[in-house]
């Protein structure tokens, strides 16, 4: 028997989309059904069925309550249609409805199988304003490494503008064809598209994980990028903070050339490095100066050893990091703080 006091409240929301049935697609909320005896002879508790969380249709029109539940008898999660007939299922012992496996049609369902998204908060409500820190620096300054460390230890979400564009392009998203055309022509993707992808990613992370701290790596690279940010978030929105990883060009060059032996990146060579650095100085440094003038930029010298650089970076993020996260050690899977194979100086921050 499942006692209410022995289990944590069900506070998750389930979004179902992409099934063949409009009456299935939609939002499901924690079940409020009164205690009842299940098919496996267990007494339910509010928000639970057969000892696992359960959900009702958000519109309250479902004939079956709960509408999403787990069956001990069949060892499967099940989703019912509006009329109460079961439509989709997936077998296994998962504690929550699986989001990483394909569901199967079941009895009254039709193909294709639905897509499931779990939300930590009600997606119908406006989400809290995200706390964003832009991370800029020359090629080889250590932006990606420091952001990965902060994500591993401090729980911040690391978003790369370039990675989001590549993902959209490869996944065939709404802007994939336009991005392909622009990149093939050697032009810059409009900032509004990049910012739109960043916003969608932040919204998704916020709703599904509850995380609200974001490190945006490599953006904004120019004043036009910043205009794109304003176009999406509005000029009345508070300007994000910025961390600028400052590093002398000779150190950056040595790091990039040593790194080239291990990464195989085509742009890790002297000629490309010079062009990238010149572009950075011409287009990105004015953005850094703008943020400095508004008191929104913190400079960190990344020619120092990586432990020192990360300590400074972590200290800057501490104000918006939970005390428990800030105090915990780096996870085993986090990038090492010691020198990398391609580090060529005693100051390996890149």
C-alpha atoms as a PDB file:
ATOM      1  CA  UNK A   1       0.000   0.000   0.000  1.00  0.00           C
ATOM      2  CA  UNK A   2       1.329   3.437  -0.895  1.00  0.00           C
ATOM      3  CA  UNK A   3       0.973   5.987   1.889  1.00  0.00           C
ATOM      4  CA  UNK A   4       0.902   9.679   0.985  1.00  0.00           C
ATOM      5  CA  UNK A   5       3.312  10.630   3.768  1.00  0.00           C
ATOM      6  CA  UNK A   6       5.926   8.158   2.507  1.00  0.00           C
ATOM      7  CA  UNK A   7       6.283   9.643  -0.961  1.00  0.00           C
ATOM      8  CA  UNK A   8       7.267  13.033  -2.269  1.00  0.00           C
ATOM      9  CA  UNK A   9       4.556  15.113  -3.957  1.00  0.00           C
ATOM     10  CA  UNK A  10       4.216  14.749  -7.713  1.00  0.00           C
ATOM     11  CA  UNK A  11       5.136  18.190  -9.067  1.00  0.00           C
ATOM     12  CA  UNK A  12       6.017  17.217 -12.647  1.00  0.00           C
ATOM     13  CA  UNK A  13       4.061  18.069 -15.792  1.00  0.00           C
ATOM     14  CA  UNK A  14       4.034  15.868 -18.893  1.00  0.00           C
ATOM     15  CA  UNK A  15       3.758  17.255 -22.415  1.00  0.00           C
ATOM     16  CA  UNK A  16       2.714  14.810 -25.142  1.00  0.00           C
ATOM     17  CA  UNK A  17       3.103  15.751 -28.805  1.00  0.00           C
ATOM     18  CA  UNK A  18       3.482  14.228 -32.250  1.00  0.00           C
ATOM     19  CA  UNK A  19       1.136  11.268 -31.811  1.00  0.00           C
ATOM     20  CA  UNK A  20      -1.433  10.570 -34.479  1.00  0.00           C
ATOM     21  CA  UNK A  21      -4.220  11.590 -32.125  1.00  0.00           C
ATOM     22  CA  UNK A  22      -4.987  15.246 -31.363  1.00  0.00           C
ATOM     23  CA  UNK A  23      -6.991  14.052 -28.362  1.00  0.00           C
ATOM     24  CA  UNK A  24      -3.805  12.591 -26.876  1.00  0.00           C
ATOM     25  CA  UNK A  25      -1.424  15.447 -27.616  1.00  0.00           C
ATOM     26  CA  UNK A  26      -1.393  18.073 -24.916  1.00  0.00           C
ATOM     27  CA  UNK A  27      -0.470  18.755 -21.310  1.00  0.00           C
ATOM     28  CA  UNK A  28      -0.978  16.319 -18.452  1.00  0.00           C
ATOM     29  CA  UNK A  29      -0.903  17.482 -14.819  1.00  0.00           C
ATOM     30  CA  UNK A  30      -0.291  15.588 -11.542  1.00  0.00           C
ATOM     31  CA  UNK A  31      -3.300  13.383 -10.895  1.00  0.00           C
ATOM     32  CA  UNK A  32      -5.749  14.433  -8.198  1.00  0.00           C
ATOM     33  CA  UNK A  33      -7.840  11.261  -8.383  1.00  0.00           C
ATOM     34  CA  UNK A  34      -9.061   9.990  -4.986  1.00  0.00           C
ATOM     35  CA  UNK A  35      -7.533   6.770  -3.619  1.00  0.00           C
ATOM     36  CA  UNK A  36      -8.539   3.715  -5.633  1.00  0.00           C
ATOM     37  CA  UNK A  37      -7.487   0.074  -5.984  1.00  0.00           C
ATOM     38  CA  UNK A  38      -5.384  -0.638  -9.082  1.00  0.00           C
ATOM     39  CA  UNK A  39      -5.411  -3.730 -11.280  1.00  0.00           C
ATOM     40  CA  UNK A  40      -2.463  -5.070  -9.251  1.00  0.00           C
ATOM     41  CA  UNK A  41      -4.358  -4.560  -5.980  1.00  0.00           C
ATOM     42  CA  UNK A  42      -2.470  -1.453  -4.816  1.00  0.00           C
ATOM     43  CA  UNK A  43      -4.237   1.545  -3.286  1.00  0.00           C
ATOM     44  CA  UNK A  44      -3.327   4.754  -5.087  1.00  0.00           C
ATOM     45  CA  UNK A  45      -2.345   8.077  -3.502  1.00  0.00           C
ATOM     46  CA  UNK A  46      -2.845  11.576  -4.946  1.00  0.00           C
ATOM     47  CA  UNK A  47      -0.445  11.975  -7.859  1.00  0.00           C
ATOM     48  CA  UNK A  48       0.495   8.266  -7.783  1.00  0.00           C
ATOM     49  CA  UNK A  49      -0.682   4.969  -9.251  1.00  0.00           C
ATOM     50  CA  UNK A  50       0.914   1.585  -8.555  1.00  0.00           C
ATOM     51  CA  UNK A  51       3.598   3.335  -6.527  1.00  0.00           C
ATOM     52  CA  UNK A  52       4.738   5.604  -9.384  1.00  0.00           C
ATOM     53  CA  UNK A  53       3.732   9.117 -10.364  1.00  0.00           C
ATOM     54  CA  UNK A  54       0.607   9.530 -12.490  1.00  0.00           C
ATOM     55  CA  UNK A  55      -1.048  12.300 -14.491  1.00  0.00           C
ATOM     56  CA  UNK A  56      -4.478  13.487 -15.670  1.00  0.00           C
ATOM     57  CA  UNK A  57      -5.370  15.515 -18.733  1.00  0.00           C
ATOM     58  CA  UNK A  58      -4.902  19.226 -18.024  1.00  0.00           C
ATOM     59  CA  UNK A  59      -8.318  20.003 -19.523  1.00  0.00           C
ATOM     60  CA  UNK A  60      -9.982  17.553 -17.142  1.00  0.00           C
ATOM     61  CA  UNK A  61     -11.904  15.841 -19.957  1.00  0.00           C
ATOM     62  CA  UNK A  62     -10.275  12.430 -19.834  1.00  0.00           C
ATOM     63  CA  UNK A  63     -12.566   9.466 -19.114  1.00  0.00           C
ATOM     64  CA  UNK A  64      -9.722   7.621 -17.385  1.00  0.00           C
ATOM     65  CA  UNK A  65      -8.006   8.944 -14.275  1.00  0.00           C
ATOM     66  CA  UNK A  66      -5.078   8.838 -14.225  1.00  0.00           C
ATOM     67  CA  UNK A  67      -4.569   9.238 -17.979  1.00  0.00           C
ATOM     68  CA  UNK A  68      -0.828   8.511 -17.813  1.00  0.00           C
ATOM     69  CA  UNK A  69       0.140   5.787 -15.361  1.00  0.00           C
ATOM     70  CA  UNK A  70       2.308   2.736 -14.780  1.00  0.00           C
ATOM     71  CA  UNK A  71       0.981  -0.826 -14.830  1.00  0.00           C
ATOM     72  CA  UNK A  72       2.720  -3.301 -12.523  1.00  0.00           C
ATOM     73  CA  UNK A  73       0.919  -6.149 -14.248  1.00  0.00           C
ATOM     74  CA  UNK A  74       2.229  -5.319 -17.711  1.00  0.00           C
ATOM     75  CA  UNK A  75       5.419  -3.533 -16.563  1.00  0.00           C
ATOM     76  CA  UNK A  76       4.675  -0.604 -18.827  1.00  0.00           C
ATOM     77  CA  UNK A  77       3.842   3.085 -18.881  1.00  0.00           C
ATOM     78  CA  UNK A  78       0.532   3.815 -20.625  1.00  0.00           C
ATOM     79  CA  UNK A  79      -1.215   6.840 -22.141  1.00  0.00           C
ATOM     80  CA  UNK A  80      -4.974   6.846 -22.673  1.00  0.00           C
ATOM     81  CA  UNK A  81      -7.132   8.563 -25.247  1.00  0.00           C
ATOM     82  CA  UNK A  82      -9.813  11.101 -24.412  1.00  0.00           C
ATOM     83  CA  UNK A  83     -12.406   8.291 -24.228  1.00  0.00           C
ATOM     84  CA  UNK A  84     -10.233   6.360 -21.767  1.00  0.00           C
ATOM     85  CA  UNK A  85      -9.023   3.643 -24.149  1.00  0.00           C
ATOM     86  CA  UNK A  86      -5.285   2.972 -23.931  1.00  0.00           C
ATOM     87  CA  UNK A  87      -3.388   4.283 -26.947  1.00  0.00           C
ATOM     88  CA  UNK A  88       0.389   4.118 -26.309  1.00  0.00           C
ATOM     89  CA  UNK A  89       2.750   2.240 -24.027  1.00  0.00           C
ATOM     90  CA  UNK A  90       6.418   1.537 -23.369  1.00  0.00           C
ATOM     91  CA  UNK A  91       7.684  -1.395 -21.317  1.00  0.00           C
ATOM     92  CA  UNK A  92      10.317  -1.187 -18.592  1.00  0.00           C
ATOM     93  CA  UNK A  93      10.803  -0.302 -14.941  1.00  0.00           C
ATOM     94  CA  UNK A  94      11.470   3.426 -15.467  1.00  0.00           C
ATOM     95  CA  UNK A  95      10.510   5.600 -12.502  1.00  0.00           C
ATOM     96  CA  UNK A  96       9.101   8.234 -14.879  1.00  0.00           C
ATOM     97  CA  UNK A  97       7.548   8.090 -18.372  1.00  0.00           C
ATOM     98  CA  UNK A  98      10.587   7.527 -20.639  1.00  0.00           C
ATOM     99  CA  UNK A  99      11.681  10.436 -22.813  1.00  0.00           C
ATOM    100  CA  UNK A 100      14.663   8.686 -24.393  1.00  0.00           C
ATOM    101  CA  UNK A 101      12.914   5.663 -25.946  1.00  0.00           C
ATOM    102  CA  UNK A 102      10.234   5.342 -28.591  1.00  0.00           C
ATOM    103  CA  UNK A 103       6.739   4.546 -27.368  1.00  0.00           C
ATOM    104  CA  UNK A 104       4.602   1.945 -29.137  1.00  0.00           C
ATOM    105  CA  UNK A 105       1.018   2.101 -30.392  1.00  0.00           C
ATOM    106  CA  UNK A 106      -1.302   0.078 -28.172  1.00  0.00           C
ATOM    107  CA  UNK A 107      -4.818  -1.115 -28.978  1.00  0.00           C
ATOM    108  CA  UNK A 108      -6.613   2.152 -29.813  1.00  0.00           C
ATOM    109  CA  UNK A 109      -3.525   4.158 -30.783  1.00  0.00           C
ATOM    110  CA  UNK A 110      -2.359   5.124 -34.252  1.00  0.00           C
ATOM    111  CA  UNK A 111       1.144   5.755 -35.581  1.00  0.00           C
ATOM    112  CA  UNK A 112       3.357   7.664 -35.113  1.00  0.00           C
ATOM    113  CA  UNK A 113       4.310   7.197 -31.487  1.00  0.00           C
ATOM    114  CA  UNK A 114       4.214  10.366 -29.350  1.00  0.00           C
ATOM    115  CA  UNK A 115       7.105  12.404 -28.039  1.00  0.00           C
ATOM    116  CA  UNK A 116       7.244  12.928 -24.266  1.00  0.00           C
ATOM    117  CA  UNK A 117       8.704  15.936 -22.449  1.00  0.00           C
ATOM    118  CA  UNK A 118       8.844  16.166 -18.650  1.00  0.00           C
ATOM    119  CA  UNK A 119       8.572  19.625 -17.116  1.00  0.00           C
ATOM    120  CA  UNK A 120       9.613  20.523 -13.581  1.00  0.00           C
ATOM    121  CA  UNK A 121       7.160  23.411 -13.572  1.00  0.00           C
ATOM    122  CA  UNK A 122       3.848  24.214 -15.228  1.00  0.00           C
ATOM    123  CA  UNK A 123       4.763  25.241 -18.802  1.00  0.00           C
ATOM    124  CA  UNK A 124       1.605  27.345 -19.003  1.00  0.00           C
ATOM    125  CA  UNK A 125       3.075  29.784 -16.514  1.00  0.00           C
ATOM    126  CA  UNK A 126       5.685  32.373 -17.499  1.00  0.00           C
ATOM    127  CA  UNK A 127       9.114  31.130 -16.515  1.00  0.00           C
ATOM    128  CA  UNK A 128      11.413  33.238 -14.316  1.00  0.00           C
ATOM    129  CA  UNK A 129      13.761  35.563 -16.177  1.00  0.00           C
ATOM    130  CA  UNK A 130      16.968  33.642 -16.921  1.00  0.00           C
ATOM    131  CA  UNK A 131      20.244  34.834 -15.456  1.00  0.00           C
ATOM    132  CA  UNK A 132      22.681  35.079 -18.367  1.00  0.00           C
ATOM    133  CA  UNK A 133      26.439  35.665 -18.435  1.00  0.00           C
ATOM    134  CA  UNK A 134      28.134  36.171 -21.799  1.00  0.00           C
ATOM    135  CA  UNK A 135      31.618  34.625 -22.016  1.00  0.00           C
ATOM    136  CA  UNK A 136      34.008  36.161 -24.548  1.00  0.00           C
ATOM    137  CA  UNK A 137      37.697  35.867 -25.327  1.00  0.00           C
ATOM    138  CA  UNK A 138      40.103  35.319 -28.181  1.00  0.00           C
ATOM    139  CA  UNK A 139      40.560  31.910 -29.826  1.00  0.00           C
ATOM    140  CA  UNK A 140      42.350  29.653 -27.345  1.00  0.00           C
ATOM    141  CA  UNK A 141      41.537  31.797 -24.300  1.00  0.00           C
ATOM    142  CA  UNK A 142      39.789  28.906 -22.540  1.00  0.00           C
ATOM    143  CA  UNK A 143      36.124  29.889 -22.859  1.00  0.00           C
ATOM    144  CA  UNK A 144      34.826  26.411 -23.558  1.00  0.00           C
ATOM    145  CA  UNK A 145      36.909  24.700 -20.879  1.00  0.00           C
ATOM    146  CA  UNK A 146      35.921  27.127 -18.122  1.00  0.00           C
ATOM    147  CA  UNK A 147      32.250  26.934 -19.090  1.00  0.00           C
ATOM    148  CA  UNK A 148      32.398  23.119 -19.027  1.00  0.00           C
ATOM    149  CA  UNK A 149      33.937  23.201 -15.556  1.00  0.00           C
ATOM    150  CA  UNK A 150      31.256  25.596 -14.282  1.00  0.00           C
ATOM    151  CA  UNK A 151      28.553  23.397 -15.779  1.00  0.00           C
ATOM    152  CA  UNK A 152      30.001  20.259 -14.153  1.00  0.00           C
ATOM    153  CA  UNK A 153      30.528  21.699 -10.689  1.00  0.00           C
ATOM    154  CA  UNK A 154      28.188  24.662 -10.312  1.00  0.00           C
ATOM    155  CA  UNK A 155      25.165  23.496 -12.291  1.00  0.00           C
ATOM    156  CA  UNK A 156      25.240  26.364 -14.786  1.00  0.00           C
ATOM    157  CA  UNK A 157      24.067  25.520 -18.303  1.00  0.00           C
ATOM    158  CA  UNK A 158      26.699  26.079 -20.989  1.00  0.00           C
ATOM    159  CA  UNK A 159      25.248  27.222 -24.315  1.00  0.00           C
ATOM    160  CA  UNK A 160      27.401  27.714 -27.409  1.00  0.00           C
ATOM    161  CA  UNK A 161      25.854  29.862 -30.140  1.00  0.00           C
ATOM    162  CA  UNK A 162      27.867  28.041 -32.796  1.00  0.00           C
ATOM    163  CA  UNK A 163      26.866  24.609 -31.494  1.00  0.00           C
ATOM    164  CA  UNK A 164      23.179  25.564 -31.504  1.00  0.00           C
ATOM    165  CA  UNK A 165      23.415  26.719 -35.121  1.00  0.00           C
ATOM    166  CA  UNK A 166      25.109  23.461 -36.125  1.00  0.00           C
ATOM    167  CA  UNK A 167      22.480  21.426 -34.281  1.00  0.00           C
ATOM    168  CA  UNK A 168      19.628  23.322 -35.964  1.00  0.00           C
ATOM    169  CA  UNK A 169      21.268  22.871 -39.334  1.00  0.00           C
ATOM    170  CA  UNK A 170      21.916  19.138 -38.911  1.00  0.00           C
ATOM    171  CA  UNK A 171      18.516  18.373 -37.372  1.00  0.00           C
ATOM    172  CA  UNK A 172      16.598  20.048 -40.202  1.00  0.00           C
ATOM    173  CA  UNK A 173      14.926  22.564 -37.888  1.00  0.00           C
ATOM    174  CA  UNK A 174      12.708  25.452 -39.076  1.00  0.00           C
ATOM    175  CA  UNK A 175      15.719  27.601 -40.007  1.00  0.00           C
ATOM    176  CA  UNK A 176      17.966  24.770 -41.245  1.00  0.00           C
ATOM    177  CA  UNK A 177      17.648  25.568 -44.966  1.00  0.00           C
ATOM    178  CA  UNK A 178      18.277  29.281 -44.413  1.00  0.00           C
ATOM    179  CA  UNK A 179      21.288  28.595 -42.185  1.00  0.00           C
ATOM    180  CA  UNK A 180      22.689  26.178 -44.781  1.00  0.00           C
ATOM    181  CA  UNK A 181      22.282  28.732 -47.553  1.00  0.00           C
ATOM    182  CA  UNK A 182      23.902  31.535 -45.546  1.00  0.00           C
ATOM    183  CA  UNK A 183      26.817  29.437 -44.288  1.00  0.00           C
ATOM    184  CA  UNK A 184      27.459  27.983 -47.759  1.00  0.00           C
ATOM    185  CA  UNK A 185      27.639  31.521 -49.133  1.00  0.00           C
ATOM    186  CA  UNK A 186      30.215  32.404 -46.475  1.00  0.00           C
ATOM    187  CA  UNK A 187      27.946  34.943 -44.790  1.00  0.00           C
ATOM    188  CA  UNK A 188      26.988  35.453 -41.145  1.00  0.00           C
ATOM    189  CA  UNK A 189      23.729  34.010 -39.876  1.00  0.00           C
ATOM    190  CA  UNK A 190      21.337  36.827 -38.826  1.00  0.00           C
ATOM    191  CA  UNK A 191      21.632  37.503 -35.119  1.00  0.00           C
ATOM    192  CA  UNK A 192      17.874  37.147 -34.653  1.00  0.00           C
ATOM    193  CA  UNK A 193      18.110  33.466 -35.664  1.00  0.00           C
ATOM    194  CA  UNK A 194      21.022  32.828 -33.295  1.00  0.00           C
ATOM    195  CA  UNK A 195      19.306  34.617 -30.408  1.00  0.00           C
ATOM    196  CA  UNK A 196      16.062  32.789 -31.145  1.00  0.00           C
ATOM    197  CA  UNK A 197      17.882  29.459 -30.797  1.00  0.00           C
ATOM    198  CA  UNK A 198      19.485  30.631 -27.549  1.00  0.00           C
ATOM    199  CA  UNK A 199      16.105  31.684 -26.163  1.00  0.00           C
ATOM    200  CA  UNK A 200      14.460  28.396 -27.157  1.00  0.00           C
ATOM    201  CA  UNK A 201      17.298  26.468 -25.511  1.00  0.00           C
ATOM    202  CA  UNK A 202      17.012  28.499 -22.300  1.00  0.00           C
ATOM    203  CA  UNK A 203      13.222  28.059 -22.229  1.00  0.00           C
ATOM    204  CA  UNK A 204      13.555  24.303 -22.718  1.00  0.00           C
ATOM    205  CA  UNK A 205      16.241  23.913 -20.052  1.00  0.00           C
ATOM    206  CA  UNK A 206      14.294  26.088 -17.625  1.00  0.00           C
ATOM    207  CA  UNK A 207      11.056  24.147 -18.038  1.00  0.00           C
ATOM    208  CA  UNK A 208      12.520  20.645 -18.064  1.00  0.00           C
ATOM    209  CA  UNK A 209      15.291  20.968 -15.466  1.00  0.00           C
ATOM    210  CA  UNK A 210      14.423  24.055 -13.444  1.00  0.00           C
ATOM    211  CA  UNK A 211      17.894  25.495 -14.084  1.00  0.00           C
ATOM    212  CA  UNK A 212      17.999  29.240 -14.637  1.00  0.00           C
ATOM    213  CA  UNK A 213      21.717  30.151 -14.861  1.00  0.00           C
ATOM    214  CA  UNK A 214      23.246  30.233 -18.344  1.00  0.00           C
ATOM    215  CA  UNK A 215      26.745  30.763 -19.695  1.00  0.00           C
ATOM    216  CA  UNK A 216      26.550  31.872 -23.333  1.00  0.00           C
ATOM    217  CA  UNK A 217      29.882  31.084 -24.948  1.00  0.00           C
ATOM    218  CA  UNK A 218      31.071  33.147 -27.938  1.00  0.00           C
ATOM    219  CA  UNK A 219      28.174  35.606 -28.090  1.00  0.00           C
ATOM    220  CA  UNK A 220      27.698  38.491 -28.780  1.00  0.00           C
ATOM    221  CA  UNK A 221      30.599  38.736 -31.238  1.00  0.00           C
ATOM    222  CA  UNK A 222      29.619  42.132 -32.622  1.00  0.00           C
ATOM    223  CA  UNK A 223      27.386  45.137 -32.046  1.00  0.00           C
ATOM    224  CA  UNK A 224      24.941  43.711 -34.586  1.00  0.00           C
ATOM    225  CA  UNK A 225      24.747  40.546 -32.448  1.00  0.00           C
ATOM    226  CA  UNK A 226      23.748  42.688 -29.495  1.00  0.00           C
ATOM    227  CA  UNK A 227      21.039  44.337 -31.601  1.00  0.00           C
ATOM    228  CA  UNK A 228      19.751  40.839 -32.345  1.00  0.00           C
ATOM    229  CA  UNK A 229      19.612  40.160 -28.608  1.00  0.00           C
ATOM    230  CA  UNK A 230      17.579  43.325 -28.080  1.00  0.00           C
ATOM    231  CA  UNK A 231      15.248  42.356 -30.954  1.00  0.00           C
ATOM    232  CA  UNK A 232      14.321  39.096 -29.205  1.00  0.00           C
ATOM    233  CA  UNK A 233      14.482  40.054 -25.508  1.00  0.00           C
ATOM    234  CA  UNK A 234      13.573  43.747 -25.789  1.00  0.00           C
ATOM    235  CA  UNK A 235      15.593  46.833 -24.959  1.00  0.00           C
ATOM    236  CA  UNK A 236      13.913  47.147 -21.596  1.00  0.00           C
ATOM    237  CA  UNK A 237      15.430  43.823 -20.480  1.00  0.00           C
ATOM    238  CA  UNK A 238      18.443  44.076 -18.177  1.00  0.00           C
ATOM    239  CA  UNK A 239      21.728  43.691 -20.022  1.00  0.00           C
ATOM    240  CA  UNK A 240      23.369  40.332 -19.174  1.00  0.00           C
ATOM    241  CA  UNK A 241      26.701  40.259 -17.373  1.00  0.00           C
ATOM    242  CA  UNK A 242      29.908  39.437 -19.206  1.00  0.00           C
ATOM    243  CA  UNK A 243      33.163  37.670 -18.407  1.00  0.00           C
ATOM    244  CA  UNK A 244      36.037  38.537 -20.721  1.00  0.00           C
ATOM    245  CA  UNK A 245      38.942  36.103 -20.830  1.00  0.00           C
ATOM    246  CA  UNK A 246      41.913  38.275 -21.638  1.00  0.00           C
ATOM    247  CA  UNK A 247      45.097  36.654 -22.928  1.00  0.00           C
ATOM    248  CA  UNK A 248      48.163  37.976 -24.857  1.00  0.00           C
ATOM    249  CA  UNK A 249      48.265  37.018 -28.514  1.00  0.00           C
ATOM    250  CA  UNK A 250      51.634  35.147 -28.316  1.00  0.00           C
ATOM    251  CA  UNK A 251      50.194  32.835 -25.640  1.00  0.00           C
ATOM    252  CA  UNK A 252      47.016  32.266 -27.661  1.00  0.00           C
ATOM    253  CA  UNK A 253      49.041  31.450 -30.756  1.00  0.00           C
ATOM    254  CA  UNK A 254      51.196  28.881 -28.938  1.00  0.00           C
ATOM    255  CA  UNK A 255      48.139  27.209 -27.461  1.00  0.00           C
ATOM    256  CA  UNK A 256      46.306  27.015 -30.766  1.00  0.00           C
ATOM    257  CA  UNK A 257      49.298  25.576 -32.627  1.00  0.00           C
ATOM    258  CA  UNK A 258      49.922  22.990 -29.915  1.00  0.00           C
ATOM    259  CA  UNK A 259      46.203  22.201 -29.807  1.00  0.00           C
ATOM    260  CA  UNK A 260      46.161  21.587 -33.566  1.00  0.00           C
ATOM    261  CA  UNK A 261      48.157  18.379 -33.095  1.00  0.00           C
ATOM    262  CA  UNK A 262      45.266  16.872 -31.129  1.00  0.00           C
ATOM    263  CA  UNK A 263      42.051  18.463 -32.415  1.00  0.00           C
ATOM    264  CA  UNK A 264      42.482  18.299 -36.174  1.00  0.00           C
ATOM    265  CA  UNK A 265      40.602  21.591 -36.579  1.00  0.00           C
ATOM    266  CA  UNK A 266      41.262  23.096 -39.997  1.00  0.00           C
ATOM    267  CA  UNK A 267      41.362  26.634 -38.596  1.00  0.00           C
ATOM    268  CA  UNK A 268      44.064  25.812 -36.013  1.00  0.00           C
ATOM    269  CA  UNK A 269      46.989  27.221 -37.988  1.00  0.00           C
ATOM    270  CA  UNK A 270      48.987  30.473 -38.042  1.00  0.00           C
ATOM    271  CA  UNK A 271      47.161  32.076 -40.967  1.00  0.00           C
ATOM    272  CA  UNK A 272      43.673  31.297 -39.695  1.00  0.00           C
ATOM    273  CA  UNK A 273      44.667  32.221 -36.164  1.00  0.00           C
ATOM    274  CA  UNK A 274      45.810  35.681 -37.303  1.00  0.00           C
ATOM    275  CA  UNK A 275      42.588  36.260 -39.245  1.00  0.00           C
ATOM    276  CA  UNK A 276      40.440  35.076 -36.343  1.00  0.00           C
ATOM    277  CA  UNK A 277      42.289  37.296 -33.889  1.00  0.00           C
ATOM    278  CA  UNK A 278      42.089  40.340 -36.183  1.00  0.00           C
ATOM    279  CA  UNK A 279      38.348  39.767 -36.580  1.00  0.00           C
ATOM    280  CA  UNK A 280      38.019  39.396 -32.837  1.00  0.00           C
ATOM    281  CA  UNK A 281      39.803  42.709 -32.214  1.00  0.00           C
ATOM    282  CA  UNK A 282      37.798  44.573 -34.855  1.00  0.00           C
ATOM    283  CA  UNK A 283      34.310  43.231 -34.092  1.00  0.00           C
ATOM    284  CA  UNK A 284      34.264  41.763 -30.594  1.00  0.00           C
ATOM    285  CA  UNK A 285      36.475  44.053 -28.509  1.00  0.00           C
ATOM    286  CA  UNK A 286      34.070  47.002 -29.051  1.00  0.00           C
ATOM    287  CA  UNK A 287      31.362  44.852 -27.427  1.00  0.00           C
ATOM    288  CA  UNK A 288      33.669  44.177 -24.487  1.00  0.00           C
ATOM    289  CA  UNK A 289      34.353  47.904 -24.124  1.00  0.00           C
ATOM    290  CA  UNK A 290      30.616  48.638 -24.216  1.00  0.00           C
ATOM    291  CA  UNK A 291      29.936  46.192 -21.382  1.00  0.00           C
ATOM    292  CA  UNK A 292      32.878  47.591 -19.411  1.00  0.00           C
ATOM    293  CA  UNK A 293      31.486  51.110 -19.767  1.00  0.00           C
ATOM    294  CA  UNK A 294      28.186  49.944 -18.297  1.00  0.00           C
ATOM    295  CA  UNK A 295      29.861  48.127 -15.407  1.00  0.00           C
ATOM    296  CA  UNK A 296      28.686  44.743 -16.728  1.00  0.00           C
ATOM    297  CA  UNK A 297      32.056  43.166 -17.571  1.00  0.00           C
ATOM    298  CA  UNK A 298      34.578  41.271 -15.446  1.00  0.00           C
ATOM    299  CA  UNK A 299      38.072  40.720 -16.890  1.00  0.00           C
ATOM    300  CA  UNK A 300      40.023  37.540 -16.100  1.00  0.00           C
ATOM    301  CA  UNK A 301      43.639  37.056 -17.176  1.00  0.00           C
ATOM    302  CA  UNK A 302      43.690  33.548 -18.659  1.00  0.00           C
ATOM    303  CA  UNK A 303      47.452  33.475 -19.205  1.00  0.00           C
ATOM    304  CA  UNK A 304      47.568  32.229 -15.603  1.00  0.00           C
ATOM    305  CA  UNK A 305      47.362  28.537 -14.671  1.00  0.00           C
ATOM    306  CA  UNK A 306      43.971  26.931 -15.149  1.00  0.00           C
ATOM    307  CA  UNK A 307      43.322  26.384 -11.436  1.00  0.00           C
ATOM    308  CA  UNK A 308      43.705  30.106 -10.793  1.00  0.00           C
ATOM    309  CA  UNK A 309      41.560  31.043 -13.783  1.00  0.00           C
ATOM    310  CA  UNK A 310      38.770  28.688 -12.749  1.00  0.00           C
ATOM    311  CA  UNK A 311      38.900  29.900  -9.136  1.00  0.00           C
ATOM    312  CA  UNK A 312      38.403  33.485 -10.340  1.00  0.00           C
ATOM    313  CA  UNK A 313      35.651  32.446 -12.741  1.00  0.00           C
ATOM    314  CA  UNK A 314      33.884  30.388 -10.081  1.00  0.00           C
ATOM    315  CA  UNK A 315      34.099  33.306  -7.654  1.00  0.00           C
ATOM    316  CA  UNK A 316      32.385  35.601 -10.132  1.00  0.00           C
ATOM    317  CA  UNK A 317      29.532  33.098 -10.577  1.00  0.00           C
ATOM    318  CA  UNK A 318      29.182  32.379  -6.851  1.00  0.00           C
ATOM    319  CA  UNK A 319      26.555  35.091  -6.262  1.00  0.00           C
ATOM    320  CA  UNK A 320      24.084  33.236  -8.466  1.00  0.00           C
ATOM    321  CA  UNK A 321      25.129  29.699  -7.524  1.00  0.00           C
ATOM    322  CA  UNK A 322      23.496  27.701  -4.751  1.00  0.00           C
ATOM    323  CA  UNK A 323      25.778  27.275  -1.740  1.00  0.00           C
ATOM    324  CA  UNK A 324      25.589  23.463  -1.903  1.00  0.00           C
ATOM    325  CA  UNK A 325      26.728  23.436  -5.546  1.00  0.00           C
ATOM    326  CA  UNK A 326      29.459  25.993  -4.940  1.00  0.00           C
ATOM    327  CA  UNK A 327      30.896  23.893  -2.103  1.00  0.00           C
ATOM    328  CA  UNK A 328      30.946  20.523  -3.834  1.00  0.00           C
ATOM    329  CA  UNK A 329      34.096  19.180  -5.537  1.00  0.00           C
ATOM    330  CA  UNK A 330      34.445  18.829  -9.268  1.00  0.00           C
ATOM    331  CA  UNK A 331      32.747  15.650 -10.550  1.00  0.00           C
ATOM    332  CA  UNK A 332      35.000  12.891 -11.856  1.00  0.00           C
ATOM    333  CA  UNK A 333      33.783  13.448 -15.426  1.00  0.00           C
ATOM    334  CA  UNK A 334      34.644  17.165 -15.381  1.00  0.00           C
ATOM    335  CA  UNK A 335      37.503  18.461 -17.590  1.00  0.00           C
ATOM    336  CA  UNK A 336      40.818  18.220 -15.752  1.00  0.00           C
ATOM    337  CA  UNK A 337      42.253  21.352 -14.197  1.00  0.00           C
ATOM    338  CA  UNK A 338      45.801  20.195 -14.800  1.00  0.00           C
ATOM    339  CA  UNK A 339      47.772  20.840 -18.006  1.00  0.00           C
ATOM    340  CA  UNK A 340      46.371  19.398 -21.219  1.00  0.00           C
ATOM    341  CA  UNK A 341      48.627  17.513 -23.658  1.00  0.00           C
ATOM    342  CA  UNK A 342      48.665  20.503 -25.993  1.00  0.00           C
ATOM    343  CA  UNK A 343      49.493  23.108 -23.342  1.00  0.00           C
ATOM    344  CA  UNK A 344      52.834  24.622 -24.193  1.00  0.00           C
ATOM    345  CA  UNK A 345      53.465  26.984 -21.298  1.00  0.00           C
ATOM    346  CA  UNK A 346      53.298  26.778 -17.516  1.00  0.00           C
ATOM    347  CA  UNK A 347      50.144  28.839 -17.720  1.00  0.00           C
ATOM    348  CA  UNK A 348      47.733  26.322 -19.313  1.00  0.00           C
ATOM    349  CA  UNK A 349      44.392  28.131 -19.239  1.00  0.00           C
ATOM    350  CA  UNK A 350      43.429  27.435 -22.852  1.00  0.00           C
END
